[in-house]
Amino acid sequence: MPMDLPALSPLALAAAALDDDVPAMRAARGTAPTGRSIRALTGKQKAAILVRLLLAEGADVKLSTLPEEMQTKLTETLGEMRLVDRDTLSAVISEFIETIEQVGLSFPGGLGGALKALDGKLSQGASARLRQMARDGTDPWERVLQADTNTLIAVLEPESAEVAAVVLSKLPVKRAAEVLGRLPGERARRVAYAVSLTEGIAPPMVARIGYAIAGELDNRPTRAFPAAPASRVGAMLNNTSAQVRDTLLDGLTEEDVDFAEGVRRAIFTFANLSERLNPRDVPKVLRELPQNDLIIALAASLAAPDSPNGQAATFMLSNMSQRMASTLRDEVENRGKIKPKEAEAALSAVVNAVRTLVEDGEITLREDDDEDE
């Protein structure tokens, strides 16, 4: 029996068969080619047959994408069913294929699916209100996980140490460590101790805390600028000359040491490559760069090998093939002295290539305190 099912998600059709508000496929009842009678099946039973078949064929069936009520119905039906003969199975598959072939357009299921499909197309205010509506009956911790660290710290500030401990316990370990490290010393100590008191907390209480924190996140005033001030200034200084950047940073340090430090953390220049770029990602950066820009950047940086730029150039050469590194070193020697403007343009080209890869999700920069992989 061929098991080549159509490309449209069988799980979507199984969900429709489970939904009481959606007409199920017609009853699989009649006479098979073998002459045997095919018994009638409910929508739930046919959904269970489809899912069981997909699992048997090794398909990655993401049941967690269904509402919990549907997951429960499906699991209960799977538990109730026993054997299904081949004629009935063939009838269900044939009906499924016929139904799929009649589909002209499919829509995302529920408000949550619609929001995902319209991601980036709605205003921030409308998106926040709709997310809160869609979260009724869903996991609120997804919203909490999406919050940036600064916002999360601000929301947790007025909360008790016990509530903060629950939130940290729901975060990935690395993210929780980042939040904990940013809290004031005494507050961090009390929150860390409160984590030890969360072992016996009931799941409904954890859910209520999640809804409360998610609500606080959605009710925060919409910011005119998505990025923090230090990040915005850092992005500006990324595109200035080193002389202008150093002068402005010195001035900012005199005005506000903490803000200046935040700007320094947001800045990413050629000199930061050895600290922030994973060695395995160097070849990806090389593929994004015109070779002439790479040669000029290396030549300008290796003129002072002990400088931060020189160390970054050595880092790049050390993490490419020996043959390519040797060829580039020969090109650098033949290139001679580089004009300052030419060097700045080439160094910026390397940085822009790295940032493009980060924005496209191709690579991830390391934090300053990350350990070498």
Protein backbone atom coordinates (compact mmCIF):
# COMPACT_ATOMS: atom_id res chain seq x y z
CA MET A 1 0.00 0.00 0.00
CA PRO A 2 1.57 3.36 -1.00
CA MET A 3 2.16 5.67 1.91
CA ASP A 4 3.11 8.81 -0.07
CA LEU A 5 0.91 11.39 1.65
CA PRO A 6 0.37 14.92 0.28
CA ALA A 7 2.62 17.76 1.33
CA LEU A 8 -0.07 19.72 3.23
CA SER A 9 0.35 18.98 6.91
CA PRO A 10 -1.66 15.84 7.81
CA LEU A 11 -1.61 17.13 11.37
CA ALA A 12 -3.71 20.13 10.28
CA LEU A 13 -6.36 17.83 8.86
CA ALA A 14 -6.21 15.59 11.92
CA ALA A 15 -6.77 18.69 14.07
CA ALA A 16 -9.79 19.61 11.95
CA ALA A 17 -11.24 16.13 12.46
CA LEU A 18 -10.78 16.57 16.21
CA ASP A 19 -12.40 20.01 16.32
CA ASP A 20 -16.11 19.84 17.14
CA ASP A 21 -16.70 23.13 15.31
CA VAL A 22 -15.21 21.88 12.03
CA PRO A 23 -17.09 19.33 9.91
CA ALA A 24 -15.10 16.09 9.94
CA MET A 25 -14.35 13.98 6.91
CA ARG A 26 -17.25 11.87 5.80
CA ALA A 27 -17.77 8.53 7.53
CA ALA A 28 -15.45 5.83 6.22
CA ARG A 29 -18.27 3.43 5.62
CA GLY A 30 -19.11 1.29 2.62
CA THR A 31 -17.76 -1.72 0.80
CA ALA A 32 -14.08 -2.26 0.09
CA PRO A 33 -12.81 -3.65 -3.25
CA THR A 34 -12.33 -6.95 -1.43
CA GLY A 35 -16.06 -7.06 -0.72
CA ARG A 36 -15.65 -6.54 3.00
CA SER A 37 -17.81 -4.02 4.79
CA ILE A 38 -16.04 -0.93 6.18
CA ARG A 39 -17.32 0.28 9.51
CA ALA A 40 -18.17 3.91 10.16
CA LEU A 41 -15.55 5.98 11.99
CA THR A 42 -15.85 9.25 13.92
CA GLY A 43 -13.65 12.24 13.17
CA LYS A 44 -11.62 11.51 16.30
CA GLN A 45 -11.00 7.92 15.22
CA LYS A 46 -9.86 8.95 11.74
CA ALA A 47 -7.58 11.59 13.23
CA ALA A 48 -6.09 8.92 15.50
CA ILE A 49 -5.56 6.57 12.52
CA LEU A 50 -3.77 9.30 10.55
CA VAL A 51 -1.49 10.23 13.44
CA ARG A 52 -0.75 6.57 14.23
CA LEU A 53 0.13 5.93 10.58
CA LEU A 54 2.44 8.94 10.46
CA LEU A 55 4.21 7.81 13.62
CA ALA A 56 4.62 4.31 12.20
CA GLU A 57 6.17 5.81 9.05
CA GLY A 58 8.70 7.74 11.18
CA ALA A 59 7.21 11.21 10.56
CA ASP A 60 8.04 13.98 13.02
CA VAL A 61 4.48 14.68 14.24
CA LYS A 62 4.52 17.84 16.36
CA LEU A 63 1.46 17.21 18.50
CA SER A 64 2.58 19.97 20.86
CA THR A 65 1.45 22.52 18.24
CA LEU A 66 -2.17 21.48 18.81
CA PRO A 67 -4.27 23.02 21.60
CA GLU A 68 -4.01 20.98 24.80
CA GLU A 69 -7.68 19.98 24.58
CA MET A 70 -7.06 18.44 21.15
CA GLN A 71 -3.94 16.69 22.40
CA THR A 72 -6.03 15.19 25.20
CA LYS A 73 -8.82 14.06 22.85
CA LEU A 74 -6.33 12.49 20.47
CA THR A 75 -4.46 10.66 23.22
CA GLU A 76 -7.71 9.33 24.72
CA THR A 77 -8.88 8.08 21.31
CA LEU A 78 -5.52 6.41 20.61
CA GLY A 79 -5.85 4.64 23.96
CA GLU A 80 -9.36 3.39 23.16
CA MET A 81 -8.64 1.98 19.70
CA ARG A 82 -7.29 -1.47 19.03
CA LEU A 83 -6.85 -3.03 15.55
CA VAL A 84 -7.78 -1.44 12.21
CA ASP A 85 -7.98 -3.68 9.15
CA ARG A 86 -6.27 -2.79 5.87
CA ASP A 87 -9.51 -1.98 4.04
CA THR A 88 -10.48 0.58 6.68
CA LEU A 89 -6.98 2.06 6.68
CA SER A 90 -7.06 2.36 2.87
CA ALA A 91 -10.46 4.06 3.04
CA VAL A 92 -9.26 6.62 5.59
CA ILE A 93 -6.10 7.39 3.54
CA SER A 94 -8.08 7.69 0.29
CA GLU A 95 -10.57 10.03 1.94
CA PHE A 96 -7.74 12.05 3.43
CA ILE A 97 -6.01 12.42 0.04
CA GLU A 98 -9.29 13.37 -1.65
CA THR A 99 -9.96 16.00 1.02
CA ILE A 100 -6.45 17.44 0.71
CA GLU A 101 -6.76 17.69 -3.08
CA GLN A 102 -9.87 19.84 -2.64
CA VAL A 103 -8.05 22.35 -0.42
CA GLY A 104 -7.37 25.61 -2.23
CA LEU A 105 -6.07 27.69 0.68
CA SER A 106 -5.32 27.01 4.31
CA PHE A 107 -5.33 29.50 7.20
CA PRO A 108 -3.35 29.43 10.44
CA GLY A 109 -5.27 27.81 13.25
CA GLY A 110 -6.52 30.18 15.92
CA LEU A 111 -5.49 33.67 16.95
CA GLY A 112 -1.99 32.53 17.87
CA GLY A 113 -1.41 31.13 14.38
CA ALA A 114 -2.78 34.30 12.78
CA LEU A 115 -0.44 36.45 14.89
CA LYS A 116 2.52 34.33 13.82
CA ALA A 117 1.53 34.68 10.15
CA LEU A 118 1.22 38.48 10.55
CA ASP A 119 4.45 38.86 12.54
CA GLY A 120 5.98 42.25 11.75
CA LYS A 121 2.87 43.47 9.90
CA LEU A 122 0.89 44.79 12.89
CA SER A 123 1.49 47.84 15.07
CA GLN A 124 3.13 47.18 18.43
CA GLY A 125 0.00 48.21 20.35
CA ALA A 126 -2.34 45.96 18.37
CA SER A 127 0.14 43.10 18.49
CA ALA A 128 0.44 43.36 22.30
CA ARG A 129 -3.35 43.35 22.81
CA LEU A 130 -3.85 40.42 20.44
CA ARG A 131 -1.03 38.44 22.07
CA GLN A 132 -2.74 38.88 25.43
CA MET A 133 -6.03 37.65 23.93
CA ALA A 134 -4.32 34.69 22.29
CA ARG A 135 -2.56 33.72 25.51
CA ASP A 136 -5.81 32.74 27.26
CA GLY A 137 -5.43 29.01 27.82
CA THR A 138 -1.89 28.92 26.39
CA ASP A 139 1.57 28.89 27.94
CA PRO A 140 2.41 32.42 29.18
CA TRP A 141 6.08 31.57 29.57
CA GLU A 142 6.60 31.84 25.82
CA ARG A 143 5.99 35.59 26.16
CA VAL A 144 8.33 35.82 29.14
CA LEU A 145 11.10 34.06 27.21
CA GLN A 146 10.77 36.59 24.38
CA ALA A 147 11.46 39.58 26.65
CA ASP A 148 14.91 41.14 26.49
CA THR A 149 17.05 41.04 29.62
CA ASN A 150 16.72 44.74 30.50
CA THR A 151 12.91 44.64 30.27
CA LEU A 152 12.73 41.43 32.29
CA ILE A 153 14.89 42.91 35.06
CA ALA A 154 12.70 46.04 35.14
CA VAL A 155 9.51 43.93 35.42
CA LEU A 156 10.99 41.77 38.19
CA GLU A 157 12.27 44.71 40.23
CA PRO A 158 9.05 45.29 42.26
CA GLU A 159 8.31 41.55 42.59
CA SER A 160 9.20 39.42 45.58
CA ALA A 161 12.35 37.31 45.60
CA GLU A 162 10.16 34.18 45.42
CA VAL A 163 8.41 35.34 42.22
CA ALA A 164 11.76 36.30 40.67
CA ALA A 165 13.10 32.86 41.61
CA VAL A 166 10.21 31.15 39.77
CA VAL A 167 10.86 33.26 36.66
CA LEU A 168 14.59 32.48 36.72
CA SER A 169 13.78 28.79 37.12
CA LYS A 170 11.72 28.90 33.90
CA LEU A 171 14.49 30.58 31.88
CA PRO A 172 17.30 28.71 30.09
CA VAL A 173 20.30 28.40 32.41
CA LYS A 174 22.50 30.84 30.49
CA ARG A 175 19.74 33.45 30.33
CA ALA A 176 18.92 33.01 34.03
CA ALA A 177 22.60 33.48 34.90
CA GLU A 178 22.67 36.70 32.87
CA VAL A 179 19.63 38.10 34.69
CA LEU A 180 20.95 37.04 38.10
CA GLY A 181 24.33 38.61 37.35
CA ARG A 182 22.67 41.93 36.54
CA LEU A 183 20.75 42.14 39.82
CA PRO A 184 22.18 44.14 42.76
CA GLY A 185 24.25 42.01 45.15
CA GLU A 186 21.80 41.66 48.04
CA ARG A 187 18.82 41.22 45.70
CA ALA A 188 20.71 38.56 43.73
CA ARG A 189 21.54 36.68 46.94
CA ARG A 190 17.92 36.64 48.11
CA VAL A 191 16.64 35.51 44.69
CA ALA A 192 19.27 32.77 44.49
CA TYR A 193 18.24 31.50 47.93
CA ALA A 194 14.55 31.66 46.97
CA VAL A 195 15.25 29.23 44.12
CA SER A 196 15.82 26.57 46.79
CA LEU A 197 12.23 27.14 47.99
CA THR A 198 10.61 26.48 44.59
CA GLU A 199 10.82 22.68 44.65
CA GLY A 200 7.38 22.17 46.16
CA ILE A 201 5.53 24.91 44.30
CA ALA A 202 2.41 23.64 42.48
CA PRO A 203 2.17 23.91 38.66
CA PRO A 204 -1.03 26.05 38.80
CA MET A 205 0.83 28.61 40.93
CA VAL A 206 3.73 28.65 38.43
CA ALA A 207 1.20 29.22 35.63
CA ARG A 208 -0.44 32.10 37.54
CA ILE A 209 2.95 33.74 38.05
CA GLY A 210 3.64 33.30 34.33
CA TYR A 211 0.36 34.98 33.39
CA ALA A 212 1.04 37.86 35.78
CA ILE A 213 4.56 38.50 34.47
CA ALA A 214 3.44 38.13 30.84
CA GLY A 215 0.67 40.63 31.52
CA GLU A 216 3.16 43.09 33.02
CA LEU A 217 5.35 42.74 29.94
CA ASP A 218 2.42 43.43 27.60
CA ASN A 219 1.20 46.38 29.66
CA ARG A 220 4.52 48.21 29.57
CA PRO A 221 4.36 51.42 27.51
CA THR A 222 5.32 50.94 23.87
CA ARG A 223 8.81 52.30 23.31
CA ALA A 224 9.44 54.75 20.48
CA PHE A 225 12.80 53.07 19.84
CA PRO A 226 13.11 49.26 19.94
CA ALA A 227 16.78 49.33 20.94
CA ALA A 228 18.17 50.66 24.23
CA PRO A 229 19.98 54.05 24.16
CA ALA A 230 23.42 52.48 24.66
CA SER A 231 22.79 50.06 21.80
CA ARG A 232 21.72 52.87 19.49
CA VAL A 233 24.81 54.95 20.25
CA GLY A 234 26.97 51.84 19.88
CA ALA A 235 25.48 51.19 16.43
CA MET A 236 26.26 54.78 15.42
CA LEU A 237 29.85 54.54 16.62
CA ASN A 238 30.32 51.27 14.75
CA ASN A 239 30.21 53.31 11.55
CA THR A 240 32.57 56.10 12.57
CA SER A 241 36.34 56.25 12.36
CA ALA A 242 38.38 54.91 15.26
CA GLN A 243 39.54 58.43 16.14
CA VAL A 244 35.99 59.80 16.34
CA ARG A 245 34.84 56.71 18.27
CA ASP A 246 37.60 56.99 20.88
CA THR A 247 37.05 60.73 21.33
CA LEU A 248 33.30 60.32 21.86
CA LEU A 249 33.77 57.42 24.27
CA ASP A 250 36.18 59.48 26.36
CA GLY A 251 33.61 62.28 26.49
CA LEU A 252 30.80 59.89 27.42
CA THR A 253 32.92 58.40 30.19
CA GLU A 254 33.34 61.86 31.72
CA GLU A 255 29.57 62.45 31.56
CA ASP A 256 28.23 59.03 32.62
CA VAL A 257 30.53 56.08 33.32
CA ASP A 258 27.74 53.46 33.34
CA PHE A 259 26.23 54.66 30.07
CA ALA A 260 29.67 54.77 28.44
CA GLU A 261 30.31 51.19 29.54
CA GLY A 262 27.00 50.13 28.01
CA VAL A 263 27.99 51.81 24.74
CA ARG A 264 31.36 50.03 24.78
CA ARG A 265 29.59 46.68 25.18
CA ALA A 266 27.33 47.53 22.22
CA ILE A 267 30.20 48.48 19.92
CA PHE A 268 31.48 45.79 17.59
CA THR A 269 34.56 46.63 15.51
CA PHE A 270 37.25 44.71 13.65
CA ALA A 271 39.31 44.69 16.87
CA ASN A 272 36.55 42.69 18.61
CA LEU A 273 36.66 39.78 16.15
CA SER A 274 38.97 37.61 18.24
CA GLU A 275 36.76 38.08 21.34
CA ARG A 276 33.29 37.87 19.80
CA LEU A 277 33.51 35.72 16.65
CA ASN A 278 33.47 31.94 16.96
CA PRO A 279 36.55 30.47 15.23
CA ARG A 280 34.35 28.07 13.25
CA ASP A 281 32.48 31.04 11.73
CA VAL A 282 35.56 32.66 10.16
CA PRO A 283 35.12 30.75 6.83
CA LYS A 284 31.51 32.00 6.62
CA VAL A 285 32.71 35.58 6.98
CA LEU A 286 35.36 35.05 4.29
CA ARG A 287 32.70 33.87 1.83
CA GLU A 288 30.77 37.13 2.36
CA LEU A 289 33.77 39.39 1.70
CA PRO A 290 35.27 40.62 -1.57
CA GLN A 291 38.89 39.40 -1.47
CA ASN A 292 40.27 42.89 -2.07
CA ASP A 293 38.56 44.22 1.09
CA LEU A 294 39.90 41.28 3.09
CA ILE A 295 43.47 41.81 1.87
CA ILE A 296 43.36 45.55 2.63
CA ALA A 297 41.91 44.91 6.11
CA LEU A 298 44.60 42.33 6.89
CA ALA A 299 47.40 44.48 5.48
CA ALA A 300 46.33 47.54 7.49
CA SER A 301 45.97 45.51 10.69
CA LEU A 302 49.13 43.39 10.42
CA ALA A 303 51.21 46.56 10.05
CA ALA A 304 50.88 46.70 13.86
CA PRO A 305 50.68 42.99 14.83
CA ASP A 306 50.50 43.64 18.59
CA SER A 307 47.59 46.08 18.32
CA PRO A 308 43.97 44.91 18.83
CA ASN A 309 43.43 45.04 15.05
CA GLY A 310 46.62 43.08 14.49
CA GLN A 311 45.49 40.38 16.93
CA ALA A 312 42.11 40.20 15.17
CA ALA A 313 43.86 39.75 11.80
CA THR A 314 46.03 36.97 13.24
CA PHE A 315 42.90 35.35 14.65
CA MET A 316 41.26 35.27 11.23
CA LEU A 317 44.36 33.86 9.53
CA SER A 318 44.64 31.17 12.21
CA ASN A 319 41.08 29.96 11.61
CA MET A 320 41.13 29.42 7.87
CA SER A 321 42.87 26.79 5.77
CA GLN A 322 46.66 26.97 5.82
CA ARG A 323 46.72 27.27 2.04
CA MET A 324 44.38 30.27 2.04
CA ALA A 325 46.24 31.90 4.94
CA SER A 326 49.55 31.51 3.12
CA THR A 327 48.09 33.00 -0.07
CA LEU A 328 46.64 35.95 1.84
CA ARG A 329 49.92 36.63 3.65
CA ASP A 330 51.68 36.78 0.27
CA GLU A 331 49.03 39.20 -1.03
CA VAL A 332 49.42 41.35 2.09
CA GLU A 333 53.19 41.58 1.63
CA ASN A 334 52.74 42.63 -2.00
CA ARG A 335 50.04 45.17 -1.13
CA GLY A 336 52.35 47.63 0.58
CA LYS A 337 51.25 50.55 2.73
CA ILE A 338 47.52 51.19 3.07
CA LYS A 339 45.96 54.65 3.13
CA PRO A 340 43.93 55.39 6.31
CA LYS A 341 40.62 55.96 4.46
CA GLU A 342 41.15 52.79 2.45
CA ALA A 343 41.84 50.84 5.66
CA GLU A 344 38.74 52.21 7.42
CA ALA A 345 36.53 51.21 4.47
CA ALA A 346 37.96 47.67 4.36
CA LEU A 347 37.69 47.17 8.13
CA SER A 348 34.07 48.36 7.99
CA ALA A 349 33.39 45.89 5.17
CA VAL A 350 34.55 43.01 7.37
CA VAL A 351 32.41 44.19 10.29
CA ASN A 352 29.37 44.68 8.04
CA ALA A 353 29.80 41.15 6.67
CA VAL A 354 29.78 39.79 10.22
CA ARG A 355 26.71 41.84 11.17
CA THR A 356 24.84 40.66 8.05
CA LEU A 357 25.48 37.03 9.00
CA VAL A 358 24.28 37.73 12.56
CA GLU A 359 21.08 39.45 11.35
CA ASP A 360 20.39 36.56 8.94
CA GLY A 361 20.79 34.07 11.78
CA GLU A 362 23.77 32.38 10.12
CA ILE A 363 26.11 32.98 13.06
CA THR A 364 25.90 34.08 16.71
CA LEU A 365 28.43 36.36 18.35
CA ARG A 366 29.89 35.38 21.69
CA GLU A 367 29.38 37.57 24.73
CA ASP A 368 32.47 39.09 26.28
CA ASP A 369 32.34 36.65 29.21
CA ASP A 370 31.61 33.51 27.15
CA GLU A 371 34.15 30.75 27.47
CA ASP A 372 35.93 29.60 24.34
CA GLU A 373 34.15 26.70 22.70
